[in-house]
Amino acid sequence: EDEFPAVVMAAANYAAVRCRGDALEAFGPVLDRALRPT
């Protein structure tokens, strides 16, 4: 949760390219941070 967003983006792209379906659980907190009020 303290990782810099650019690294998170690279990791999410890795998961898509490598078809890592087990990444989906880790996407939840990434989405949570974007859904905060501000």
PDB file of all heavy atoms in Angstrom:
ATOM      1  N   GLU A   1       0.812  -1.217   0.000  1.00  0.00           N
ATOM      2  CA  GLU A   1       0.000   0.000   0.000  1.00  0.00           C
ATOM      3  C   GLU A   1       0.847   1.270   0.000  1.00  0.00           C
ATOM      4  O   GLU A   1       0.342   2.354  -0.292  1.00  0.00           O
ATOM      5  CB  GLU A   1      -0.944  -0.005   1.200  1.00  0.00           C
ATOM      6  CG  GLU A   1      -1.998  -1.099   1.123  1.00  0.00           C
ATOM      7  CD  GLU A   1      -3.052  -0.960   2.202  1.00  0.00           C
ATOM      8  OE1 GLU A   1      -2.961  -0.005   3.000  1.00  0.00           O
ATOM      9  OE2 GLU A   1      -3.966  -1.808   2.242  1.00  0.00           O
ATOM     10  N   ASP A   2       2.120   1.148   0.338  1.00  0.00           N
ATOM     11  CA  ASP A   2       3.007   2.314   0.332  1.00  0.00           C
ATOM     12  C   ASP A   2       3.815   2.422  -0.963  1.00  0.00           C
ATOM     13  O   ASP A   2       4.650   3.328  -1.092  1.00  0.00           O
ATOM     14  CB  ASP A   2       3.968   2.250   1.523  1.00  0.00           C
ATOM     15  CG  ASP A   2       3.243   2.381   2.851  1.00  0.00           C
ATOM     16  OD1 ASP A   2       2.264   3.149   2.907  1.00  0.00           O
ATOM     17  OD2 ASP A   2       3.640   1.718   3.821  1.00  0.00           O
ATOM     18  N   GLU A   3       3.574   1.517  -1.903  1.00  0.00           N
ATOM     19  CA  GLU A   3       4.334   1.542  -3.145  1.00  0.00           C
ATOM     20  C   GLU A   3       3.924   2.734  -4.001  1.00  0.00           C
ATOM     21  O   GLU A   3       2.760   3.159  -3.984  1.00  0.00           O
ATOM     22  CB  GLU A   3       4.135   0.234  -3.924  1.00  0.00           C
ATOM     23  CG  GLU A   3       4.954   0.115  -5.203  1.00  0.00           C
ATOM     24  CD  GLU A   3       6.444   0.320  -4.978  1.00  0.00           C
ATOM     25  OE1 GLU A   3       6.881   1.491  -5.042  1.00  0.00           O
ATOM     26  OE2 GLU A   3       7.149  -0.679  -4.738  1.00  0.00           O
ATOM     27  N   PHE A   4       4.882   3.257  -4.735  1.00  0.00           N
ATOM     28  CA  PHE A   4       4.616   4.402  -5.611  1.00  0.00           C
ATOM     29  C   PHE A   4       3.719   3.960  -6.765  1.00  0.00           C
ATOM     30  O   PHE A   4       3.891   2.874  -7.322  1.00  0.00           O
ATOM     31  CB  PHE A   4       5.935   4.959  -6.140  1.00  0.00           C
ATOM     32  CG  PHE A   4       5.816   6.311  -6.752  1.00  0.00           C
ATOM     33  CD1 PHE A   4       5.614   7.432  -5.973  1.00  0.00           C
ATOM     34  CD2 PHE A   4       5.899   6.472  -8.132  1.00  0.00           C
ATOM     35  CE1 PHE A   4       5.508   8.694  -6.538  1.00  0.00           C
ATOM     36  CE2 PHE A   4       5.791   7.726  -8.708  1.00  0.00           C
ATOM     37  CZ  PHE A   4       5.600   8.843  -7.910  1.00  0.00           C
ATOM     38  N   PRO A   5       2.739   4.796  -7.150  1.00  0.00           N
ATOM     39  CA  PRO A   5       1.774   4.382  -8.185  1.00  0.00           C
ATOM     40  C   PRO A   5       2.397   3.925  -9.495  1.00  0.00           C
ATOM     41  O   PRO A   5       1.881   3.007 -10.135  1.00  0.00           O
ATOM     42  CB  PRO A   5       0.911   5.641  -8.377  1.00  0.00           C
ATOM     43  CG  PRO A   5       0.934   6.306  -7.040  1.00  0.00           C
ATOM     44  CD  PRO A   5       2.332   6.079  -6.525  1.00  0.00           C
ATOM     45  N   ALA A   6       3.508   4.524  -9.920  1.00  0.00           N
ATOM     46  CA  ALA A   6       4.115   4.104 -11.184  1.00  0.00           C
ATOM     47  C   ALA A   6       4.573   2.652 -11.115  1.00  0.00           C
ATOM     48  O   ALA A   6       4.496   1.908 -12.106  1.00  0.00           O
ATOM     49  CB  ALA A   6       5.292   5.010 -11.534  1.00  0.00           C
ATOM     50  N   VAL A   7       5.054   2.219  -9.946  1.00  0.00           N
ATOM     51  CA  VAL A   7       5.477   0.832  -9.783  1.00  0.00           C
ATOM     52  C   VAL A   7       4.249  -0.080  -9.763  1.00  0.00           C
ATOM     53  O   VAL A   7       4.263  -1.174 -10.344  1.00  0.00           O
ATOM     54  CB  VAL A   7       6.304   0.661  -8.494  1.00  0.00           C
ATOM     55  CG1 VAL A   7       6.813  -0.778  -8.376  1.00  0.00           C
ATOM     56  CG2 VAL A   7       7.468   1.642  -8.469  1.00  0.00           C
ATOM     57  N   VAL A   8       3.176   0.376  -9.110  1.00  0.00           N
ATOM     58  CA  VAL A   8       1.933  -0.396  -9.091  1.00  0.00           C
ATOM     59  C   VAL A   8       1.397  -0.573 -10.510  1.00  0.00           C
ATOM     60  O   VAL A   8       0.952  -1.678 -10.891  1.00  0.00           O
ATOM     61  CB  VAL A   8       0.888   0.307  -8.199  1.00  0.00           C
ATOM     62  CG1 VAL A   8      -0.472  -0.389  -8.310  1.00  0.00           C
ATOM     63  CG2 VAL A   8       1.353   0.325  -6.747  1.00  0.00           C
ATOM     64  N   MET A   9       1.452   0.471 -11.309  1.00  0.00           N
ATOM     65  CA  MET A   9       0.984   0.370 -12.693  1.00  0.00           C
ATOM     66  C   MET A   9       1.799  -0.647 -13.475  1.00  0.00           C
ATOM     67  O   MET A   9       1.255  -1.461 -14.230  1.00  0.00           O
ATOM     68  CB  MET A   9       1.049   1.739 -13.381  1.00  0.00           C
ATOM     69  CG  MET A   9      -0.026   2.695 -12.932  1.00  0.00           C
ATOM     70  SD  MET A   9      -0.118   4.200 -13.937  1.00  0.00           S
ATOM     71  CE  MET A   9       1.163   5.174 -13.166  1.00  0.00           C
ATOM     72  N   ALA A  10       3.115  -0.605 -13.296  1.00  0.00           N
ATOM     73  CA  ALA A  10       3.969  -1.568 -13.986  1.00  0.00           C
ATOM     74  C   ALA A  10       3.637  -2.987 -13.548  1.00  0.00           C
ATOM     75  O   ALA A  10       3.601  -3.915 -14.374  1.00  0.00           O
ATOM     76  CB  ALA A  10       5.437  -1.246 -13.720  1.00  0.00           C
ATOM     77  N   ALA A  11       3.385  -3.179 -12.248  1.00  0.00           N
ATOM     78  CA  ALA A  11       3.060  -4.511 -11.740  1.00  0.00           C
ATOM     79  C   ALA A  11       1.708  -4.996 -12.254  1.00  0.00           C
ATOM     80  O   ALA A  11       1.538  -6.180 -12.573  1.00  0.00           O
ATOM     81  CB  ALA A  11       3.083  -4.506 -10.211  1.00  0.00           C
ATOM     82  N   ALA A  12       0.730  -4.094 -12.345  1.00  0.00           N
ATOM     83  CA  ALA A  12      -0.576  -4.475 -12.887  1.00  0.00           C
ATOM     84  C   ALA A  12      -0.455  -4.870 -14.357  1.00  0.00           C
ATOM     85  O   ALA A  12      -1.077  -5.844 -14.810  1.00  0.00           O
ATOM     86  CB  ALA A  12      -1.562  -3.321 -12.724  1.00  0.00           C
ATOM     87  N   ASN A  13       0.359  -4.149 -15.097  1.00  0.00           N
ATOM     88  CA  ASN A  13       0.570  -4.489 -16.497  1.00  0.00           C
ATOM     89  C   ASN A  13       1.269  -5.843 -16.628  1.00  0.00           C
ATOM     90  O   ASN A  13       0.937  -6.646 -17.507  1.00  0.00           O
ATOM     91  CB  ASN A  13       1.387  -3.404 -17.177  1.00  0.00           C
ATOM     92  CG  ASN A  13       1.544  -3.651 -18.659  1.00  0.00           C
ATOM     93  OD1 ASN A  13       0.571  -3.783 -19.397  1.00  0.00           O
ATOM     94  ND2 ASN A  13       2.791  -3.726 -19.115  1.00  0.00           N
ATOM     95  N   TYR A  14       2.229  -6.109 -15.743  1.00  0.00           N
ATOM     96  CA  TYR A  14       2.889  -7.415 -15.730  1.00  0.00           C
ATOM     97  C   TYR A  14       1.846  -8.519 -15.561  1.00  0.00           C
ATOM     98  O   TYR A  14       1.874  -9.540 -16.264  1.00  0.00           O
ATOM     99  CB  TYR A  14       3.911  -7.464 -14.594  1.00  0.00           C
ATOM    100  CG  TYR A  14       4.576  -8.810 -14.409  1.00  0.00           C
ATOM    101  CD1 TYR A  14       5.851  -9.053 -14.911  1.00  0.00           C
ATOM    102  CD2 TYR A  14       3.938  -9.839 -13.717  1.00  0.00           C
ATOM    103  CE1 TYR A  14       6.463 -10.299 -14.745  1.00  0.00           C
ATOM    104  CE2 TYR A  14       4.546 -11.076 -13.550  1.00  0.00           C
ATOM    105  CZ  TYR A  14       5.799 -11.291 -14.060  1.00  0.00           C
ATOM    106  OH  TYR A  14       6.402 -12.514 -13.897  1.00  0.00           O
ATOM    107  N   ALA A  15       0.932  -8.331 -14.611  1.00  0.00           N
ATOM    108  CA  ALA A  15      -0.082  -9.352 -14.352  1.00  0.00           C
ATOM    109  C   ALA A  15      -0.927  -9.624 -15.588  1.00  0.00           C
ATOM    110  O   ALA A  15      -1.258 -10.777 -15.885  1.00  0.00           O
ATOM    111  CB  ALA A  15      -0.968  -8.910 -13.187  1.00  0.00           C
ATOM    112  N   ALA A  16      -1.270  -8.551 -16.333  1.00  0.00           N
ATOM    113  CA  ALA A  16      -2.075  -8.735 -17.535  1.00  0.00           C
ATOM    114  C   ALA A  16      -1.284  -9.447 -18.625  1.00  0.00           C
ATOM    115  O   ALA A  16      -1.778 -10.373 -19.274  1.00  0.00           O
ATOM    116  CB  ALA A  16      -2.570  -7.380 -18.032  1.00  0.00           C
ATOM    117  N   VAL A  17      -0.037  -9.032 -18.828  1.00  0.00           N
ATOM    118  CA  VAL A  17       0.793  -9.631 -19.880  1.00  0.00           C
ATOM    119  C   VAL A  17       1.074 -11.093 -19.584  1.00  0.00           C
ATOM    120  O   VAL A  17       1.050 -11.944 -20.486  1.00  0.00           O
ATOM    121  CB  VAL A  17       2.105  -8.834 -20.032  1.00  0.00           C
ATOM    122  CG1 VAL A  17       3.087  -9.577 -20.939  1.00  0.00           C
ATOM    123  CG2 VAL A  17       1.824  -7.443 -20.583  1.00  0.00           C
ATOM    124  N   ARG A  18       1.321 -11.404 -18.314  1.00  0.00           N
ATOM    125  CA  ARG A  18       1.649 -12.780 -17.921  1.00  0.00           C
ATOM    126  C   ARG A  18       0.411 -13.598 -17.544  1.00  0.00           C
ATOM    127  O   ARG A  18       0.533 -14.748 -17.129  1.00  0.00           O
ATOM    128  CB  ARG A  18       2.615 -12.763 -16.733  1.00  0.00           C
ATOM    129  CG  ARG A  18       3.931 -12.061 -17.002  1.00  0.00           C
ATOM    130  CD  ARG A  18       4.795 -12.833 -17.961  1.00  0.00           C
ATOM    131  NE  ARG A  18       6.103 -12.219 -18.141  1.00  0.00           N
ATOM    132  CZ  ARG A  18       7.045 -12.685 -18.950  1.00  0.00           C
ATOM    133  NH1 ARG A  18       6.809 -13.769 -19.656  1.00  0.00           N
ATOM    134  NH2 ARG A  18       8.204 -12.072 -19.063  1.00  0.00           N
ATOM    135  N   CYS A  19      -0.787 -12.990 -17.697  1.00  0.00           N
ATOM    136  CA  CYS A  19      -2.047 -13.686 -17.417  1.00  0.00           C
ATOM    137  C   CYS A  19      -2.075 -14.268 -16.003  1.00  0.00           C
ATOM    138  O   CYS A  19      -2.405 -15.453 -15.793  1.00  0.00           O
ATOM    139  CB  CYS A  19      -2.300 -14.779 -18.459  1.00  0.00           C
ATOM    140  SG  CYS A  19      -2.731 -14.113 -20.093  1.00  0.00           S
ATOM    141  N   ARG A  20      -1.737 -13.427 -15.021  1.00  0.00           N
ATOM    142  CA  ARG A  20      -1.736 -13.855 -13.629  1.00  0.00           C
ATOM    143  C   ARG A  20      -3.102 -13.556 -13.009  1.00  0.00           C
ATOM    144  O   ARG A  20      -3.349 -12.500 -12.446  1.00  0.00           O
ATOM    145  CB  ARG A  20      -0.641 -13.138 -12.842  1.00  0.00           C
ATOM    146  CG  ARG A  20       0.766 -13.341 -13.348  1.00  0.00           C
ATOM    147  CD  ARG A  20       1.275 -14.762 -13.296  1.00  0.00           C
ATOM    148  NE  ARG A  20       0.988 -15.499 -12.087  1.00  0.00           N
ATOM    149  CZ  ARG A  20       1.684 -16.576 -11.697  1.00  0.00           C
ATOM    150  NH1 ARG A  20       2.714 -17.006 -12.420  1.00  0.00           N
ATOM    151  NH2 ARG A  20       1.359 -17.206 -10.606  1.00  0.00           N
ATOM    152  N   GLY A  21      -4.011 -14.523 -13.144  1.00  0.00           N
ATOM    153  CA  GLY A  21      -5.339 -14.337 -12.588  1.00  0.00           C
ATOM    154  C   GLY A  21      -5.332 -14.155 -11.087  1.00  0.00           C
ATOM    155  O   GLY A  21      -6.260 -13.557 -10.518  1.00  0.00           O
ATOM    156  N   ASP A  22      -4.289 -14.630 -10.416  1.00  0.00           N
ATOM    157  CA  ASP A  22      -4.207 -14.479  -8.966  1.00  0.00           C
ATOM    158  C   ASP A  22      -3.823 -13.057  -8.558  1.00  0.00           C
ATOM    159  O   ASP A  22      -3.629 -12.782  -7.370  1.00  0.00           O
ATOM    160  CB  ASP A  22      -3.231 -15.488  -8.360  1.00  0.00           C
ATOM    161  CG  ASP A  22      -1.889 -15.550  -9.092  1.00  0.00           C
ATOM    162  OD1 ASP A  22      -1.785 -15.000 -10.196  1.00  0.00           O
ATOM    163  OD2 ASP A  22      -0.957 -16.168  -8.554  1.00  0.00           O
ATOM    164  N   ALA A  23      -3.734 -12.153  -9.522  1.00  0.00           N
ATOM    165  CA  ALA A  23      -3.483 -10.746  -9.193  1.00  0.00           C
ATOM    166  C   ALA A  23      -4.756 -10.012  -8.808  1.00  0.00           C
ATOM    167  O   ALA A  23      -4.691  -8.935  -8.210  1.00  0.00           O
ATOM    168  CB  ALA A  23      -2.834 -10.036 -10.381  1.00  0.00           C
ATOM    169  N   LEU A  24      -5.911 -10.577  -9.153  1.00  0.00           N
ATOM    170  CA  LEU A  24      -7.166  -9.829  -8.998  1.00  0.00           C
ATOM    171  C   LEU A  24      -7.406  -9.391  -7.557  1.00  0.00           C
ATOM    172  O   LEU A  24      -7.892  -8.281  -7.310  1.00  0.00           O
ATOM    173  CB  LEU A  24      -8.336 -10.676  -9.506  1.00  0.00           C
ATOM    174  CG  LEU A  24      -8.366 -10.886 -11.025  1.00  0.00           C
ATOM    175  CD1 LEU A  24      -9.405 -11.935 -11.395  1.00  0.00           C
ATOM    176  CD2 LEU A  24      -8.652  -9.566 -11.739  1.00  0.00           C
ATOM    177  N   GLU A  25      -7.066 -10.243  -6.610  1.00  0.00           N
ATOM    178  CA  GLU A  25      -7.272  -9.874  -5.204  1.00  0.00           C
ATOM    179  C   GLU A  25      -6.460  -8.642  -4.840  1.00  0.00           C
ATOM    180  O   GLU A  25      -6.931  -7.777  -4.075  1.00  0.00           O
ATOM    181  CB  GLU A  25      -6.893 -11.046  -4.300  1.00  0.00           C
ATOM    182  CG  GLU A  25      -7.137 -10.771  -2.826  1.00  0.00           C
ATOM    183  CD  GLU A  25      -6.757 -11.954  -1.954  1.00  0.00           C
ATOM    184  OE1 GLU A  25      -6.434 -13.023  -2.502  1.00  0.00           O
ATOM    185  OE2 GLU A  25      -6.774 -11.794  -0.719  1.00  0.00           O
ATOM    186  N   ALA A  26      -5.247  -8.534  -5.376  1.00  0.00           N
ATOM    187  CA  ALA A  26      -4.391  -7.381  -5.079  1.00  0.00           C
ATOM    188  C   ALA A  26      -4.886  -6.107  -5.759  1.00  0.00           C
ATOM    189  O   ALA A  26      -4.518  -5.004  -5.343  1.00  0.00           O
ATOM    190  CB  ALA A  26      -2.953  -7.675  -5.499  1.00  0.00           C
ATOM    191  N   PHE A  27      -5.701  -6.238  -6.804  1.00  0.00           N
ATOM    192  CA  PHE A  27      -6.237  -5.054  -7.472  1.00  0.00           C
ATOM    193  C   PHE A  27      -7.265  -4.328  -6.602  1.00  0.00           C
ATOM    194  O   PHE A  27      -7.489  -3.127  -6.792  1.00  0.00           O
ATOM    195  CB  PHE A  27      -6.911  -5.432  -8.795  1.00  0.00           C
ATOM    196  CG  PHE A  27      -5.954  -5.836  -9.880  1.00  0.00           C
ATOM    197  CD1 PHE A  27      -6.412  -6.502 -11.002  1.00  0.00           C
ATOM    198  CD2 PHE A  27      -4.602  -5.547  -9.799  1.00  0.00           C
ATOM    199  CE1 PHE A  27      -5.547  -6.883 -12.017  1.00  0.00           C
ATOM    200  CE2 PHE A  27      -3.717  -5.925 -10.794  1.00  0.00           C
ATOM    201  CZ  PHE A  27      -4.200  -6.588 -11.912  1.00  0.00           C
ATOM    202  N   GLY A  28      -7.899  -5.048  -5.667  1.00  0.00           N
ATOM    203  CA  GLY A  28      -8.942  -4.428  -4.844  1.00  0.00           C
ATOM    204  C   GLY A  28      -8.465  -3.195  -4.090  1.00  0.00           C
ATOM    205  O   GLY A  28      -9.066  -2.116  -4.207  1.00  0.00           O
ATOM    206  N   PRO A  29      -7.377  -3.288  -3.315  1.00  0.00           N
ATOM    207  CA  PRO A  29      -6.883  -2.099  -2.607  1.00  0.00           C
ATOM    208  C   PRO A  29      -6.434  -0.984  -3.543  1.00  0.00           C
ATOM    209  O   PRO A  29      -6.545   0.196  -3.191  1.00  0.00           O
ATOM    210  CB  PRO A  29      -5.701  -2.645  -1.789  1.00  0.00           C
ATOM    211  CG  PRO A  29      -6.004  -4.095  -1.601  1.00  0.00           C
ATOM    212  CD  PRO A  29      -6.675  -4.512  -2.872  1.00  0.00           C
ATOM    213  N   VAL A  30      -5.924  -1.350  -4.719  1.00  0.00           N
ATOM    214  CA  VAL A  30      -5.548  -0.314  -5.704  1.00  0.00           C
ATOM    215  C   VAL A  30      -6.791   0.467  -6.108  1.00  0.00           C
ATOM    216  O   VAL A  30      -6.768   1.705  -6.188  1.00  0.00           O
ATOM    217  CB  VAL A  30      -4.883  -0.961  -6.939  1.00  0.00           C
ATOM    218  CG1 VAL A  30      -4.540   0.104  -7.983  1.00  0.00           C
ATOM    219  CG2 VAL A  30      -3.630  -1.730  -6.536  1.00  0.00           C
ATOM    220  N   LEU A  31      -7.872  -0.246  -6.338  1.00  0.00           N
ATOM    221  CA  LEU A  31      -9.134   0.407  -6.689  1.00  0.00           C
ATOM    222  C   LEU A  31      -9.686   1.206  -5.515  1.00  0.00           C
ATOM    223  O   LEU A  31     -10.199   2.330  -5.699  1.00  0.00           O
ATOM    224  CB  LEU A  31     -10.136  -0.656  -7.134  1.00  0.00           C
ATOM    225  CG  LEU A  31     -11.528  -0.164  -7.549  1.00  0.00           C
ATOM    226  CD1 LEU A  31     -11.433   0.842  -8.692  1.00  0.00           C
ATOM    227  CD2 LEU A  31     -12.410  -1.355  -7.950  1.00  0.00           C
ATOM    228  N   ASP A  32      -9.561   0.678  -4.305  1.00  0.00           N
ATOM    229  CA  ASP A  32     -10.063   1.386  -3.122  1.00  0.00           C
ATOM    230  C   ASP A  32      -9.451   2.781  -3.008  1.00  0.00           C
ATOM    231  O   ASP A  32     -10.150   3.752  -2.674  1.00  0.00           O
ATOM    232  CB  ASP A  32      -9.735   0.593  -1.851  1.00  0.00           C
ATOM    233  CG  ASP A  32     -10.560  -0.679  -1.724  1.00  0.00           C
ATOM    234  OD1 ASP A  32     -11.593  -0.790  -2.403  1.00  0.00           O
ATOM    235  OD2 ASP A  32     -10.149  -1.568  -0.946  1.00  0.00           O
ATOM    236  N   ARG A  33      -8.159   2.880  -3.257  1.00  0.00           N
ATOM    237  CA  ARG A  33      -7.491   4.182  -3.124  1.00  0.00           C
ATOM    238  C   ARG A  33      -8.033   5.183  -4.134  1.00  0.00           C
ATOM    239  O   ARG A  33      -8.101   6.387  -3.847  1.00  0.00           O
ATOM    240  CB  ARG A  33      -5.977   4.012  -3.279  1.00  0.00           C
ATOM    241  CG  ARG A  33      -5.339   3.236  -2.141  1.00  0.00           C
ATOM    242  CD  ARG A  33      -3.827   3.338  -2.136  1.00  0.00           C
ATOM    243  NE  ARG A  33      -3.195   2.580  -3.202  1.00  0.00           N
ATOM    244  CZ  ARG A  33      -2.865   1.292  -3.115  1.00  0.00           C
ATOM    245  NH1 ARG A  33      -3.144   0.598  -2.010  1.00  0.00           N
ATOM    246  NH2 ARG A  33      -2.257   0.673  -4.118  1.00  0.00           N
ATOM    247  N   ALA A  34      -8.427   4.711  -5.302  1.00  0.00           N
ATOM    248  CA  ALA A  34      -8.962   5.616  -6.330  1.00  0.00           C
ATOM    249  C   ALA A  34     -10.404   6.001  -6.055  1.00  0.00           C
ATOM    250  O   ALA A  34     -10.894   6.998  -6.603  1.00  0.00           O
ATOM    251  CB  ALA A  34      -8.857   4.959  -7.698  1.00  0.00           C
ATOM    252  N   LEU A  35     -11.095   5.227  -5.214  1.00  0.00           N
ATOM    253  CA  LEU A  35     -12.505   5.492  -4.939  1.00  0.00           C
ATOM    254  C   LEU A  35     -12.715   6.320  -3.683  1.00  0.00           C
ATOM    255  O   LEU A  35     -13.857   6.537  -3.260  1.00  0.00           O
ATOM    256  CB  LEU A  35     -13.270   4.163  -4.824  1.00  0.00           C
ATOM    257  CG  LEU A  35     -13.365   3.343  -6.122  1.00  0.00           C
ATOM    258  CD1 LEU A  35     -14.058   2.017  -5.858  1.00  0.00           C
ATOM    259  CD2 LEU A  35     -14.103   4.130  -7.208  1.00  0.00           C
ATOM    260  N   ARG A  36     -11.630   6.798  -3.081  1.00  0.00           N
ATOM    261  CA  ARG A  36     -11.768   7.690  -1.938  1.00  0.00           C
ATOM    262  C   ARG A  36     -12.434   8.997  -2.375  1.00  0.00           C
ATOM    263  O   ARG A  36     -12.407   9.356  -3.553  1.00  0.00           O
ATOM    264  CB  ARG A  36     -10.397   7.979  -1.339  1.00  0.00           C
ATOM    265  CG  ARG A  36      -9.751   6.770  -0.671  1.00  0.00           C
ATOM    266  CD  ARG A  36      -8.303   7.035  -0.341  1.00  0.00           C
ATOM    267  NE  ARG A  36      -7.660   5.894   0.312  1.00  0.00           N
ATOM    268  CZ  ARG A  36      -6.366   5.743   0.462  1.00  0.00           C
ATOM    269  NH1 ARG A  36      -5.527   6.663  -0.012  1.00  0.00           N
ATOM    270  NH2 ARG A  36      -5.881   4.678   1.065  1.00  0.00           N
ATOM    271  N   PRO A  37     -13.023   9.731  -1.417  1.00  0.00           N
ATOM    272  CA  PRO A  37     -13.707  10.980  -1.796  1.00  0.00           C
ATOM    273  C   PRO A  37     -12.812  11.974  -2.548  1.00  0.00           C
ATOM    274  O   PRO A  37     -13.266  12.629  -3.481  1.00  0.00           O
ATOM    275  CB  PRO A  37     -14.160  11.539  -0.444  1.00  0.00           C
ATOM    276  CG  PRO A  37     -14.301  10.339   0.430  1.00  0.00           C
ATOM    277  CD  PRO A  37     -13.210   9.396   0.014  1.00  0.00           C
ATOM    278  N   THR A  38     -11.573  12.100  -2.144  1.00  0.00           N
ATOM    279  CA  THR A  38     -10.651  13.002  -2.843  1.00  0.00           C
ATOM    280  C   THR A  38      -9.364  12.236  -3.154  1.00  0.00           C
ATOM    281  O   THR A  38      -8.344  12.413  -2.481  1.00  0.00           O
ATOM    282  CB  THR A  38     -10.344  14.258  -2.006  1.00  0.00           C
ATOM    283  OG1 THR A  38      -9.877  13.854  -0.714  1.00  0.00           O
ATOM    284  CG2 THR A  38     -11.574  15.128  -1.853  1.00  0.00           C
TER     285      THR A  38
END
